[in-house]
Protein backbone atom coordinates (compact mmCIF):
# COMPACT_ATOMS: atom_id res chain seq x y z
CA UNK A 1 84.48 94.96 116.75
CA UNK A 2 81.21 96.51 117.18
CA UNK A 3 81.04 99.02 120.23
CA UNK A 4 77.65 97.86 121.44
CA UNK A 5 77.19 95.60 124.61
CA UNK A 6 75.12 92.43 123.32
CA UNK A 7 72.04 93.18 125.34
CA UNK A 8 68.73 90.75 125.42
CA UNK A 9 66.23 92.23 124.47
CA UNK A 10 64.76 92.56 127.95
CA UNK A 11 67.86 94.24 129.18
CA UNK A 12 67.64 96.66 126.24
CA UNK A 13 64.01 97.67 127.10
CA UNK A 14 64.93 98.30 131.12
CA UNK A 15 68.11 99.93 129.86
CA UNK A 16 65.76 102.17 127.52
CA UNK A 17 62.97 102.55 130.08
CA UNK A 18 65.63 103.89 132.55
CA UNK A 19 67.02 106.37 130.08
CA UNK A 20 64.02 107.50 129.09
CA UNK A 21 63.03 108.28 132.98
CA UNK A 22 66.02 110.21 133.26
CA UNK A 23 65.47 112.07 129.95
CA UNK A 24 61.93 112.95 131.45
CA UNK A 25 63.21 114.01 134.68
CA UNK A 26 66.51 116.08 134.02
CA UNK A 27 64.42 118.61 131.84
CA UNK A 28 61.97 119.15 134.67
CA UNK A 29 65.12 120.22 136.50
CA UNK A 30 66.83 122.59 133.71
CA UNK A 31 63.08 124.40 133.31
CA UNK A 32 63.45 126.11 136.32
CA UNK A 33 66.48 127.79 135.49
CA UNK A 34 64.80 130.91 133.03
CA UNK A 35 65.40 129.78 129.58
CA UNK A 36 67.23 126.81 130.83
CA UNK A 37 65.65 124.14 128.58
CA UNK A 38 66.50 125.98 125.45
CA UNK A 39 69.79 126.69 126.56
CA UNK A 40 70.46 123.68 128.08
CA UNK A 41 69.20 121.16 125.19
CA UNK A 42 68.31 118.62 128.52
CA UNK A 43 66.29 115.77 127.01
CA UNK A 44 69.06 114.93 124.59
CA UNK A 45 71.50 114.06 127.51
CA UNK A 46 70.98 110.83 127.85
CA UNK A 47 69.57 109.99 124.54
CA UNK A 48 73.57 110.48 123.99
CA UNK A 49 74.62 108.60 127.26
CA UNK A 50 72.47 105.94 126.24
CA UNK A 51 73.86 105.68 122.70
CA UNK A 52 77.68 105.31 123.42
CA UNK A 53 76.76 103.21 126.28
CA UNK A 54 74.37 100.33 124.99
CA UNK A 55 74.26 101.16 121.12
CA UNK A 56 72.26 102.58 118.94
CA UNK A 57 68.68 100.65 120.31
CA UNK A 58 69.41 101.77 123.47
CA UNK A 59 69.57 105.33 122.40
CA UNK A 60 66.99 105.31 119.26
CA UNK A 61 64.36 104.01 122.25
CA UNK A 62 65.51 106.89 124.18
CA UNK A 63 65.25 109.55 121.47
CA UNK A 64 61.96 108.54 120.30
CA UNK A 65 59.94 107.59 123.36
CA UNK A 66 61.38 110.54 125.89
CA UNK A 67 59.78 113.09 124.40
CA UNK A 68 56.62 111.51 123.81
CA UNK A 69 55.38 109.73 127.14
CA UNK A 70 57.09 113.30 128.65
CA UNK A 71 54.43 115.35 126.37
CA UNK A 72 51.87 112.52 127.70
CA UNK A 73 52.28 113.08 130.96
CA UNK A 74 53.13 116.62 131.66
CA UNK A 75 52.39 118.49 128.35
CA UNK A 76 55.86 119.31 128.19
CA UNK A 77 57.55 119.25 125.60
CA UNK A 78 54.27 120.97 123.14
CA UNK A 79 53.13 118.56 120.87
CA UNK A 80 53.95 121.08 117.93
CA UNK A 81 58.15 120.55 119.15
CA UNK A 82 57.87 116.63 118.61
CA UNK A 83 58.85 116.25 115.36
CA UNK A 84 61.62 118.20 115.70
CA UNK A 85 62.64 117.06 118.70
CA UNK A 86 62.52 113.63 117.15
CA UNK A 87 64.69 114.51 114.21
CA UNK A 88 66.95 116.45 116.61
CA UNK A 89 67.19 112.78 118.50
CA UNK A 90 67.42 110.34 115.83
CA UNK A 91 70.08 112.16 114.16
CA UNK A 92 72.02 111.94 117.72
CA UNK A 93 71.86 108.20 117.34
CA UNK A 94 72.96 107.61 113.84
CA UNK A 95 75.76 110.14 114.41
CA UNK A 96 77.08 109.04 117.55
CA UNK A 97 76.64 105.33 116.45
CA UNK A 98 78.45 105.55 113.00
CA UNK A 99 81.15 107.12 114.70
CA UNK A 100 81.29 104.56 117.30
CA UNK A 101 81.90 101.89 114.73
CA UNK A 102 84.68 103.76 112.49
CA UNK A 103 86.54 106.17 114.76
CA UNK A 104 87.69 103.74 117.58
CA UNK A 105 91.30 105.22 117.30
CA UNK A 106 90.13 108.43 119.48
CA UNK A 107 86.56 107.51 120.46
CA UNK A 108 86.64 110.02 123.34
CA UNK A 109 85.82 112.69 120.41
CA UNK A 110 82.96 111.22 119.31
CA UNK A 111 80.60 112.49 121.51
CA UNK A 112 81.49 116.35 120.32
CA UNK A 113 81.62 114.96 116.29
CA UNK A 114 78.39 113.76 116.64
CA UNK A 115 76.62 116.74 118.45
CA UNK A 116 77.93 119.04 116.04
CA UNK A 117 77.26 116.83 112.78
CA UNK A 118 73.80 116.02 114.26
CA UNK A 119 72.90 119.47 114.34
CA UNK A 120 74.53 120.52 111.90
CA UNK A 121 72.22 117.70 109.44
CA UNK A 122 68.95 118.69 111.14
CA UNK A 123 69.90 122.62 110.49
CA UNK A 124 70.36 121.81 106.87
CA UNK A 125 66.94 119.36 106.87
CA UNK A 126 65.00 122.07 108.33
CA UNK A 127 66.01 125.72 107.14
CA UNK A 128 63.90 125.09 103.65
CA UNK A 129 61.11 124.90 106.16
CA UNK A 130 61.55 127.19 109.33
CA UNK A 131 64.16 129.37 107.85
CA UNK A 132 68.11 129.56 108.95
CA UNK A 133 67.72 131.25 112.24
CA UNK A 134 65.49 128.85 113.53
CA UNK A 135 67.20 126.23 111.97
CA UNK A 136 70.45 127.21 113.45
CA UNK A 137 69.15 128.51 117.09
CA UNK A 138 71.03 125.71 118.91
CA UNK A 139 74.03 126.83 117.58
CA UNK A 140 74.11 130.10 119.69
CA UNK A 141 71.00 129.60 122.22
CA UNK A 142 71.98 125.83 123.04
CA UNK A 143 75.62 125.58 122.93
CA UNK A 144 75.84 125.40 126.97
CA UNK A 145 73.86 122.40 126.27
CA UNK A 146 76.15 120.78 123.57
CA UNK A 147 79.10 121.25 125.97
CA UNK A 148 76.56 118.84 128.42
CA UNK A 149 76.46 116.50 125.48
CA UNK A 150 79.63 116.53 124.98
CA UNK A 151 81.11 116.03 128.20
CA UNK A 152 78.43 113.93 129.48
CA UNK A 153 78.68 111.32 126.34
CA UNK A 154 82.98 111.84 127.54
CA UNK A 155 82.41 110.37 131.02
CA UNK A 156 79.79 107.63 129.83
CA UNK A 157 82.57 106.74 127.88
CA UNK A 158 85.09 106.34 130.51
CA UNK A 159 82.35 104.41 132.71
CA UNK A 160 81.55 102.36 130.24
CA UNK A 161 85.35 101.37 129.54
CA UNK A 162 85.70 100.72 133.02
CA UNK A 163 82.73 98.52 133.79
CA UNK A 164 83.76 96.53 130.02
CA UNK A 165 87.09 95.90 130.90
CA UNK A 166 86.98 92.60 131.35
CA UNK A 167 83.49 92.16 129.59
CA UNK A 168 83.96 91.09 125.75
CA UNK A 169 82.20 93.26 123.72
């Protein structure tokens, strides 16, 4: 049994566009709070929700295009940040997707494990290039954002389960 709803190509792109738009709008709200972007990591929120609700294709499109389109339209995130953000977003999609396929017994825990696993993997990958303090800074400054992604992911799973009760997935 797969966790993904069977979306047509058009549905995948439409849902991705909605999550991308939300992923661009949410950071603008959080950046009104001093240090809000670094603290709440808002650009990953809808990447997590899209992956958990509609599968890796929607998550991957959201992870890659949210920062890129945000940069092209608003100059934020800054261009030097794009590779780091893409790595974190793709890692989050991969971790969440794998967990949703493997851990069907306690799926509500998948968002928490996905966030911690993705950021740990990215930290290990980035450490030789940036140093450990930069690579793992999200574990100190971004804990509220990691909690927000986890709770949002859990809520998305609950909503998806309510929505798909009568839909065969």
